[in-house]
Amino acid sequence: MQTHFTLAQLADPDTSEANRILRACVHCGFCTATCPTFVLLGDELDSPRGRIYLIKDMLENARPATERVVKHVDRCLSCLSCMTTCPSGVHYMHLVDHARAHIEETYRRPWLDRWLRGVLALLIPRPALFRFALVGATLARPFASLFPRALRPLLALAPARLKAPSRVDTPQVFAAEGARRRRVALLAGCAQQVLEPAINEATVRLLTRHGCEVVVARGAGCCGSLAHHLGKTDASHTQAKANIAAWTRAIEGGGLDAIVINASGCGTTVKDYGFMFRADPAWADRAARVSALAKDITEVMADLGLRQPATPMGQAVAYHSACSMQHGQGIVEQPKALLTSAGFAVKDVPEGHMCCGSAGTYNMLQPQLATQLRDRKLRNIESVAPDIIATGNIGCITQLATGTGIPVVHTVELLDWATGGPRPAGLG
């Protein structure tokens, strides 16, 4: 694609990177076949290629975002299926993230939309506040019809009962069982420790059982992805810096073989810290070091090797590959191979590349499209008649569980159960 940025514009590192990405696009349209919003809506502007044209025009002419641009960029899930499909290597993720930051800076949204985005960015990254808000949302669910339409999806996603906070999410070190094979840090995260604290508990048990010393570093928290994808760059970079500083202290205090992430949306962002801070001399080296150490839990377990199952399994498991896992991180085979070696009968899901509609805050900001995508995903999952649905992302777990009676659990909970841990509570 031909571009016409000025030299002054190209002096900005983000604009320069956008220019490089845009020039890689050859207009082939392969991305349209795998883009969930184009498949649903059939609108060229709701495809990656269409959004690229809108973003190019906006950035090249240095103009504020318009309502038209915002509408179609907001509809993008950032599922990154287009990046897996693209034969030219167009890094759409970095381009759309830059566009969202430009929108946040130049476009004034309607007050309710602006308020809702601000509330989500404030509450979800802070577990104590998020827990308090969920208590209120749970109490308000019977009166959902009295609330503004934009707020009803938030109430619908609130759990019927909150789990108690887990001790594993506080800063501490868990000793390896037997000889220590690895020393790793675990990202406790934010929303996950409120919605499903059992995931971190299962992760710690699994890692220590396989010879890992696990560090929950003081000062580490939200990865920053939620604010980042809302275009709130200052907030996302502040959260990322807190993690980088916390893990740098852990590295200097005893070394780390890996930084383990068990929410694939967080993993995609942490692995991108090096890019996010590439132009910041004070943080670039530390950020790149952290990104190089970041691993999904299934990558770490595939490297360690799963011990023999403690008890015969055999349940049919539909593995839902989260978009941030398969498209964002390129992790496809390891989770399925681990589940198989744990004794489960893994079922491939038709249209496995398609998003379930969770996508961070998407199911709260674009509920109609998110529900259509969820129902489409569940029809495909239910077609293989599984006993259990497994996935590696808390957002997908929450999204899928609202539309099916099939138990939805994290992959790590099944691996923990198979190798000696408790039966996941989500299985009933």
Protein backbone atom coordinates (compact mmCIF):
# COMPACT_ATOMS: atom_id res chain seq x y z
CA MET A 1 0.00 0.00 0.00
CA GLN A 2 1.34 3.42 -0.93
CA THR A 3 1.53 5.97 1.88
CA HIS A 4 2.24 9.71 2.02
CA PHE A 5 3.31 10.58 5.55
CA THR A 6 5.50 13.65 5.94
CA LEU A 7 9.00 13.50 7.38
CA ALA A 8 7.73 15.33 10.44
CA GLN A 9 5.05 12.67 10.95
CA LEU A 10 7.55 9.85 10.49
CA ALA A 11 9.71 11.30 13.27
CA ASP A 12 7.11 9.92 15.69
CA PRO A 13 7.98 6.23 16.38
CA ASP A 14 4.31 5.11 16.45
CA THR A 15 3.50 6.84 13.16
CA SER A 16 6.67 5.43 11.62
CA GLU A 17 5.63 1.93 12.67
CA ALA A 18 2.11 2.50 11.32
CA ASN A 19 3.64 3.53 8.01
CA ARG A 20 5.71 0.34 7.89
CA ILE A 21 2.64 -1.79 8.63
CA LEU A 22 0.46 -0.03 6.06
CA ARG A 23 3.10 -0.44 3.35
CA ALA A 24 3.11 -4.22 3.95
CA CYS A 25 -0.60 -4.52 3.03
CA VAL A 26 -1.21 -5.61 -0.59
CA HIS A 27 -5.05 -5.33 -0.52
CA CYS A 28 -5.41 -9.09 -1.18
CA GLY A 29 -8.47 -9.48 1.04
CA PHE A 30 -7.53 -12.90 2.46
CA CYS A 31 -8.23 -11.39 5.90
CA THR A 32 -11.92 -10.88 5.12
CA ALA A 33 -12.59 -14.63 5.07
CA THR A 34 -11.51 -15.10 8.68
CA CYS A 35 -12.61 -11.78 10.21
CA PRO A 36 -15.57 -12.47 12.56
CA THR A 37 -17.22 -9.08 12.10
CA PHE A 38 -17.01 -9.22 8.31
CA VAL A 39 -18.41 -12.77 8.35
CA LEU A 40 -21.35 -11.55 10.45
CA LEU A 41 -21.99 -8.14 8.86
CA GLY A 42 -20.61 -8.40 5.31
CA ASP A 43 -19.45 -4.77 5.43
CA GLU A 44 -16.02 -4.07 3.92
CA LEU A 45 -15.41 -1.42 6.58
CA ASP A 46 -15.90 -4.13 9.23
CA SER A 47 -13.04 -6.15 7.78
CA PRO A 48 -9.33 -5.64 8.52
CA ARG A 49 -8.76 -4.34 4.99
CA GLY A 50 -11.55 -1.79 5.35
CA ARG A 51 -10.36 -0.66 8.76
CA ILE A 52 -6.82 -0.31 7.40
CA TYR A 53 -8.10 2.14 4.77
CA LEU A 54 -9.95 4.16 7.44
CA ILE A 55 -6.92 4.20 9.76
CA LYS A 56 -4.55 5.16 6.93
CA ASP A 57 -6.73 8.10 5.91
CA MET A 58 -7.08 9.29 9.51
CA LEU A 59 -3.38 9.05 10.41
CA GLU A 60 -1.96 10.24 7.09
CA ASN A 61 -4.05 13.38 7.17
CA ALA A 62 -3.47 13.91 10.90
CA ARG A 63 -7.18 14.46 11.40
CA PRO A 64 -9.27 13.75 14.49
CA ALA A 65 -11.21 10.49 14.48
CA THR A 66 -14.71 10.73 13.05
CA GLU A 67 -17.84 8.94 14.20
CA ARG A 68 -17.57 6.67 11.12
CA VAL A 69 -13.99 5.63 11.93
CA VAL A 70 -14.81 5.07 15.60
CA LYS A 71 -17.83 2.90 14.77
CA HIS A 72 -15.85 0.44 12.66
CA VAL A 73 -12.69 0.40 14.79
CA ASP A 74 -14.81 -0.17 17.91
CA ARG A 75 -16.38 -3.18 16.22
CA CYS A 76 -12.96 -4.79 15.80
CA LEU A 77 -12.44 -7.57 18.35
CA SER A 78 -8.64 -7.49 18.09
CA CYS A 79 -8.95 -11.26 17.71
CA LEU A 80 -5.95 -11.10 15.31
CA SER A 81 -7.27 -13.89 13.10
CA CYS A 82 -6.36 -11.61 10.20
CA MET A 83 -2.70 -11.75 11.24
CA THR A 84 -2.70 -15.56 11.09
CA THR A 85 -4.33 -15.41 7.66
CA CYS A 86 -2.29 -12.55 6.12
CA PRO A 87 0.32 -13.76 3.59
CA SER A 88 2.16 -10.41 3.76
CA GLY A 89 2.81 -10.29 7.49
CA VAL A 90 0.78 -7.16 8.18
CA HIS A 91 1.02 -6.54 11.96
CA TYR A 92 -2.57 -5.41 12.36
CA MET A 93 -2.42 -5.54 16.17
CA HIS A 94 0.08 -2.69 16.45
CA LEU A 95 -1.80 -0.66 13.84
CA VAL A 96 -5.23 -0.93 15.46
CA ASP A 97 -3.77 -0.27 18.92
CA HIS A 98 -2.22 2.95 17.58
CA ALA A 99 -5.54 3.89 15.99
CA ARG A 100 -7.35 3.37 19.29
CA ALA A 101 -4.90 5.61 21.09
CA HIS A 102 -5.48 8.29 18.42
CA ILE A 103 -9.25 7.90 18.82
CA GLU A 104 -8.98 8.24 22.59
CA GLU A 105 -6.95 11.42 22.16
CA THR A 106 -9.00 13.12 19.43
CA TYR A 107 -12.62 11.92 19.65
CA ARG A 108 -15.17 12.88 22.31
CA ARG A 109 -17.56 9.97 22.79
CA PRO A 110 -21.17 10.28 24.00
CA TRP A 111 -21.18 10.69 27.78
CA LEU A 112 -22.52 7.20 28.64
CA ASP A 113 -20.00 5.44 26.41
CA ARG A 114 -17.22 7.61 27.82
CA TRP A 115 -18.35 6.89 31.39
CA LEU A 116 -18.67 3.14 30.79
CA ARG A 117 -15.18 2.84 29.31
CA GLY A 118 -13.75 4.85 32.17
CA VAL A 119 -15.47 2.67 34.76
CA LEU A 120 -14.25 -0.56 33.13
CA ALA A 121 -10.69 0.76 32.94
CA LEU A 122 -10.85 1.79 36.60
CA LEU A 123 -12.52 -1.26 38.16
CA ILE A 124 -11.39 -4.42 36.36
CA PRO A 125 -7.61 -3.97 36.80
CA ARG A 126 -8.07 -3.49 40.57
CA PRO A 127 -9.26 -6.74 42.22
CA ALA A 128 -10.61 -5.15 45.42
CA LEU A 129 -12.65 -2.55 43.52
CA PHE A 130 -13.74 -5.12 40.94
CA ARG A 131 -14.94 -7.48 43.67
CA PHE A 132 -16.90 -4.65 45.34
CA ALA A 133 -18.48 -3.71 41.98
CA LEU A 134 -19.48 -7.33 41.29
CA VAL A 135 -21.24 -7.55 44.64
CA GLY A 136 -23.32 -4.56 43.61
CA ALA A 137 -23.92 -5.96 40.12
CA THR A 138 -25.08 -9.30 41.53
CA LEU A 139 -27.55 -7.55 43.83
CA ALA A 140 -28.79 -5.41 40.93
CA ARG A 141 -29.34 -8.28 38.45
CA PRO A 142 -33.05 -8.77 39.30
CA PHE A 143 -33.62 -5.11 38.44
CA ALA A 144 -31.65 -5.10 35.19
CA SER A 145 -34.64 -3.91 33.14
CA LEU A 146 -34.61 -0.64 35.09
CA PHE A 147 -31.02 0.16 34.08
CA PRO A 148 -29.89 1.91 30.86
CA ARG A 149 -29.57 -0.56 27.99
CA ALA A 150 -25.80 -0.03 27.79
CA LEU A 151 -25.34 -1.30 31.37
CA ARG A 152 -27.44 -4.47 31.15
CA PRO A 153 -24.69 -6.63 29.57
CA LEU A 154 -22.46 -5.89 32.58
CA LEU A 155 -25.16 -7.11 34.95
CA ALA A 156 -25.76 -10.23 32.84
CA LEU A 157 -22.07 -11.18 33.06
CA ALA A 158 -21.89 -10.76 36.84
CA PRO A 159 -21.53 -14.15 38.58
CA ALA A 160 -24.41 -15.41 40.69
CA ARG A 161 -21.97 -16.04 43.55
CA LEU A 162 -18.50 -14.64 44.13
CA LYS A 163 -15.63 -16.92 45.12
CA ALA A 164 -13.57 -16.11 48.18
CA PRO A 165 -10.17 -14.49 47.58
CA SER A 166 -7.29 -16.95 47.35
CA ARG A 167 -4.12 -16.85 49.43
CA VAL A 168 -2.01 -17.76 46.41
CA ASP A 169 -2.57 -14.31 44.91
CA THR A 170 -0.59 -12.51 47.61
CA PRO A 171 3.17 -11.91 47.20
CA GLN A 172 5.08 -15.04 48.29
CA VAL A 173 7.26 -17.91 47.10
CA PHE A 174 6.03 -21.48 46.69
CA ALA A 175 8.72 -24.15 47.03
CA ALA A 176 9.15 -26.81 44.37
CA GLU A 177 8.27 -30.38 45.24
CA GLY A 178 11.44 -32.42 45.16
CA ALA A 179 14.47 -31.14 43.29
CA ARG A 180 14.01 -27.65 41.88
CA ARG A 181 13.99 -27.68 38.07
CA ARG A 182 12.89 -24.09 37.38
CA ARG A 183 12.33 -20.80 39.17
CA VAL A 184 9.39 -18.95 37.65
CA ALA A 185 7.23 -15.92 38.38
CA LEU A 186 3.44 -16.18 38.09
CA LEU A 187 1.26 -13.26 37.00
CA ALA A 188 -1.69 -13.38 39.43
CA GLY A 189 -3.56 -10.93 37.18
CA CYS A 190 -6.63 -8.92 38.06
CA ALA A 191 -10.08 -10.08 36.89
CA GLN A 192 -9.11 -13.76 37.00
CA GLN A 193 -8.25 -13.75 40.70
CA VAL A 194 -11.74 -12.38 41.39
CA LEU A 195 -13.79 -14.44 38.92
CA GLU A 196 -11.94 -17.78 39.09
CA PRO A 197 -9.26 -17.87 41.83
CA ALA A 198 -9.05 -21.65 41.40
CA ILE A 199 -7.10 -21.13 38.16
CA ASN A 200 -4.10 -19.60 39.92
CA GLU A 201 -4.33 -22.24 42.65
CA ALA A 202 -4.27 -25.03 40.07
CA THR A 203 -1.36 -23.34 38.27
CA VAL A 204 0.74 -23.17 41.45
CA ARG A 205 0.00 -26.82 42.31
CA LEU A 206 0.84 -27.97 38.79
CA LEU A 207 4.10 -26.04 38.61
CA THR A 208 5.37 -26.99 42.07
CA ARG A 209 4.42 -30.63 41.46
CA HIS A 210 6.65 -30.55 38.37
CA GLY A 211 9.65 -29.09 40.15
CA CYS A 212 9.10 -25.32 39.81
CA GLU A 213 9.65 -22.75 42.50
CA VAL A 214 6.90 -20.19 41.95
CA VAL A 215 7.29 -16.51 42.79
CA VAL A 216 4.29 -14.19 43.08
CA ALA A 217 6.19 -10.91 42.91
CA ARG A 218 5.26 -7.96 45.08
CA GLY A 219 4.06 -5.04 42.96
CA ALA A 220 2.94 -7.10 39.93
CA GLY A 221 -0.71 -6.73 38.95
CA CYS A 222 -2.82 -6.04 35.88
CA CYS A 223 -0.88 -6.56 32.64
CA GLY A 224 -2.35 -3.38 31.13
CA SER A 225 -4.13 -5.01 28.21
CA LEU A 226 -7.61 -3.78 29.09
CA ALA A 227 -6.59 -0.11 29.20
CA HIS A 228 -4.28 -0.61 26.20
CA HIS A 229 -7.10 -1.89 23.99
CA LEU A 230 -9.34 0.97 25.11
CA GLY A 231 -6.71 3.40 23.81
CA LYS A 232 -5.76 4.54 27.32
CA THR A 233 -2.02 4.43 26.78
CA ASP A 234 -0.93 6.27 29.92
CA ALA A 235 -2.85 3.88 32.17
CA SER A 236 -1.70 0.75 30.33
CA HIS A 237 1.95 1.82 30.39
CA THR A 238 1.77 2.61 34.10
CA GLN A 239 0.43 -0.88 34.80
CA ALA A 240 3.02 -2.49 32.53
CA LYS A 241 5.86 -0.57 34.22
CA ALA A 242 4.74 -1.86 37.63
CA ASN A 243 5.03 -5.43 36.34
CA ILE A 244 8.36 -4.83 34.64
CA ALA A 245 9.78 -3.33 37.86
CA ALA A 246 8.41 -6.17 40.02
CA TRP A 247 9.77 -8.92 37.77
CA THR A 248 13.11 -7.15 37.33
CA ARG A 249 13.50 -7.24 41.12
CA ALA A 250 12.68 -10.96 41.08
CA ILE A 251 15.23 -11.55 38.31
CA GLU A 252 17.90 -9.67 40.22
CA GLY A 253 16.94 -11.36 43.49
CA GLY A 254 17.39 -14.95 42.39
CA GLY A 255 16.90 -15.24 38.66
CA LEU A 256 13.86 -16.37 36.69
CA ASP A 257 13.61 -19.07 34.05
CA ALA A 258 10.20 -17.85 32.92
CA ILE A 259 7.35 -15.48 33.69
CA VAL A 260 4.30 -17.72 33.58
CA ILE A 261 0.98 -16.33 32.32
CA ASN A 262 -2.21 -18.39 32.56
CA ALA A 263 -4.55 -15.91 30.84
CA SER A 264 -3.71 -15.78 27.15
CA GLY A 265 -4.98 -12.23 26.71
CA CYS A 266 -2.46 -11.11 29.34
CA GLY A 267 0.25 -13.24 27.75
CA THR A 268 -0.12 -11.55 24.38
CA THR A 269 0.33 -8.15 26.01
CA VAL A 270 3.24 -9.07 28.28
CA LYS A 271 5.06 -10.61 25.31
CA ASP A 272 4.60 -7.24 23.59
CA TYR A 273 6.13 -5.12 26.39
CA GLY A 274 9.40 -4.94 24.45
CA PHE A 275 7.59 -3.31 21.54
CA MET A 276 5.51 -1.02 23.76
CA PHE A 277 8.63 0.48 25.36
CA ARG A 278 11.00 0.23 22.39
CA ALA A 279 11.41 4.03 22.20
CA ASP A 280 11.73 4.61 25.95
CA PRO A 281 15.43 4.47 26.91
CA ALA A 282 14.60 4.14 30.62
CA TRP A 283 12.46 1.02 30.14
CA ALA A 284 13.34 -0.55 26.78
CA ASP A 285 15.96 -3.05 27.99
CA ARG A 286 13.97 -4.21 31.03
CA ALA A 287 10.77 -4.49 29.01
CA ALA A 288 12.49 -6.57 26.31
CA ARG A 289 13.96 -8.83 28.99
CA VAL A 290 10.52 -9.41 30.55
CA SER A 291 8.92 -10.10 27.16
CA ALA A 292 11.61 -12.67 26.36
CA LEU A 293 10.85 -14.53 29.60
CA ALA A 294 7.04 -14.47 29.25
CA LYS A 295 5.52 -17.90 28.58
CA ASP A 296 2.02 -19.31 28.60
CA ILE A 297 1.58 -22.04 31.20
CA THR A 298 1.14 -24.61 28.41
CA GLU A 299 4.48 -23.62 26.86
CA VAL A 300 6.19 -24.17 30.22
CA MET A 301 4.45 -27.50 30.84
CA ALA A 302 5.24 -28.74 27.33
CA ASP A 303 8.90 -27.97 28.03
CA LEU A 304 8.85 -29.63 31.47
CA GLY A 305 6.91 -32.67 30.32
CA LEU A 306 3.66 -33.72 32.01
CA ARG A 307 3.93 -36.55 34.53
CA GLN A 308 1.80 -39.65 34.12
CA PRO A 309 -1.88 -39.15 34.98
CA ALA A 310 -2.62 -40.06 38.59
CA THR A 311 -5.97 -41.56 37.61
CA PRO A 312 -7.62 -42.61 34.31
CA MET A 313 -9.49 -39.73 32.69
CA GLY A 314 -11.12 -40.34 29.31
CA GLN A 315 -13.60 -37.44 29.26
CA ALA A 316 -14.25 -35.85 25.88
CA VAL A 317 -12.81 -32.33 25.94
CA ALA A 318 -13.55 -29.66 23.33
CA TYR A 319 -10.53 -27.39 23.35
CA HIS A 320 -11.48 -23.80 22.56
CA SER A 321 -8.34 -22.04 21.38
CA ALA A 322 -8.59 -18.45 22.58
CA CYS A 323 -7.79 -15.91 19.88
CA SER A 324 -5.04 -14.37 21.99
CA MET A 325 -3.52 -17.84 22.30
CA GLN A 326 -3.60 -19.03 18.69
CA HIS A 327 -3.41 -15.72 16.81
CA GLY A 328 -1.74 -13.47 19.36
CA GLN A 329 0.92 -15.93 20.57
CA GLY A 330 0.93 -18.62 17.89
CA ILE A 331 0.29 -21.37 20.47
CA VAL A 332 -1.84 -24.05 18.84
CA GLU A 333 -0.68 -27.61 19.49
CA GLN A 334 0.79 -27.53 23.03
CA PRO A 335 -2.52 -27.28 24.96
CA LYS A 336 -4.14 -30.08 22.96
CA ALA A 337 -1.05 -32.29 23.26
CA LEU A 338 -0.94 -31.78 27.04
CA LEU A 339 -4.64 -32.59 27.44
CA THR A 340 -4.16 -35.73 25.36
CA SER A 341 -1.15 -36.83 27.41
CA ALA A 342 -3.23 -36.22 30.55
CA GLY A 343 -5.69 -38.84 29.30
CA PHE A 344 -8.49 -36.71 27.89
CA ALA A 345 -10.09 -37.33 24.50
CA VAL A 346 -9.54 -33.98 22.78
CA LYS A 347 -12.10 -32.92 20.17
CA ASP A 348 -11.29 -30.42 17.42
CA VAL A 349 -13.92 -27.69 17.15
CA PRO A 350 -15.22 -26.61 13.71
CA GLU A 351 -14.38 -22.98 12.89
CA GLY A 352 -11.78 -23.11 15.61
CA HIS A 353 -10.19 -19.90 14.33
CA MET A 354 -13.31 -17.83 15.05
CA CYS A 355 -13.65 -15.63 18.14
CA CYS A 356 -16.17 -16.42 20.90
CA GLY A 357 -16.96 -12.71 21.31
CA SER A 358 -15.33 -12.12 24.68
CA ALA A 359 -12.31 -10.07 23.54
CA GLY A 360 -11.53 -8.24 26.78
CA THR A 361 -14.34 -5.70 27.25
CA TYR A 362 -15.95 -6.36 23.84
CA ASN A 363 -18.84 -8.41 25.25
CA MET A 364 -19.72 -5.44 27.46
CA LEU A 365 -19.24 -2.71 24.85
CA GLN A 366 -20.58 -4.58 21.78
CA PRO A 367 -23.01 -7.07 23.38
CA GLN A 368 -25.12 -7.83 20.31
CA LEU A 369 -22.19 -8.86 18.13
CA ALA A 370 -20.56 -10.66 21.04
CA THR A 371 -23.68 -12.71 21.69
CA GLN A 372 -23.95 -13.71 18.02
CA LEU A 373 -20.33 -14.84 18.05
CA ARG A 374 -20.77 -16.71 21.34
CA ASP A 375 -23.81 -18.59 20.03
CA ARG A 376 -22.04 -19.47 16.78
CA LYS A 377 -19.02 -20.73 18.74
CA LEU A 378 -21.16 -22.81 21.08
CA ARG A 379 -23.08 -24.41 18.20
CA ASN A 380 -19.75 -25.56 16.79
CA ILE A 381 -18.54 -26.79 20.18
CA GLU A 382 -21.75 -28.63 20.94
CA SER A 383 -21.61 -30.34 17.53
CA VAL A 384 -18.69 -32.48 18.79
CA ALA A 385 -20.65 -33.50 21.93
CA PRO A 386 -17.97 -32.86 24.56
CA ASP A 387 -18.20 -33.58 28.27
CA ILE A 388 -16.05 -30.55 29.07
CA ILE A 389 -14.96 -27.33 27.35
CA ALA A 390 -11.36 -26.28 28.08
CA THR A 391 -9.71 -22.99 27.24
CA GLY A 392 -6.76 -20.89 28.38
CA ASN A 393 -8.36 -17.47 28.91
CA ILE A 394 -10.62 -16.21 31.69
CA GLY A 395 -12.58 -13.99 29.30
CA CYS A 396 -13.51 -16.94 27.10
CA ILE A 397 -14.50 -19.01 30.15
CA THR A 398 -16.85 -16.27 31.35
CA GLN A 399 -18.28 -15.67 27.88
CA LEU A 400 -18.92 -19.31 26.95
CA ALA A 401 -20.36 -20.25 30.34
CA THR A 402 -23.21 -17.76 29.88
CA GLY A 403 -24.59 -19.73 26.92
CA THR A 404 -24.18 -23.45 27.62
CA GLY A 405 -24.73 -26.10 30.27
CA ILE A 406 -21.47 -27.85 29.37
CA PRO A 407 -18.84 -27.16 32.06
CA VAL A 408 -16.22 -24.63 30.95
CA VAL A 409 -12.88 -24.80 32.78
CA HIS A 410 -9.29 -23.66 32.32
CA THR A 411 -6.90 -26.10 30.65
CA VAL A 412 -4.58 -25.90 33.66
CA GLU A 413 -7.35 -27.10 36.00
CA LEU A 414 -7.69 -30.31 33.97
CA LEU A 415 -3.91 -30.85 33.86
CA ASP A 416 -3.73 -30.32 37.63
CA TRP A 417 -6.60 -32.74 38.24
CA ALA A 418 -5.09 -35.41 36.01
CA THR A 419 -1.71 -35.26 37.77
CA GLY A 420 -2.97 -35.42 41.35
CA GLY A 421 -4.88 -32.19 42.07
CA PRO A 422 -8.55 -31.84 43.07
CA ARG A 423 -11.43 -32.21 40.66
CA PRO A 424 -12.20 -28.74 39.23
CA ALA A 425 -15.16 -27.18 41.03
CA GLY A 426 -16.54 -26.10 37.66
CA LEU A 427 -17.24 -29.72 36.77
CA GLY A 428 -19.84 -29.97 39.52
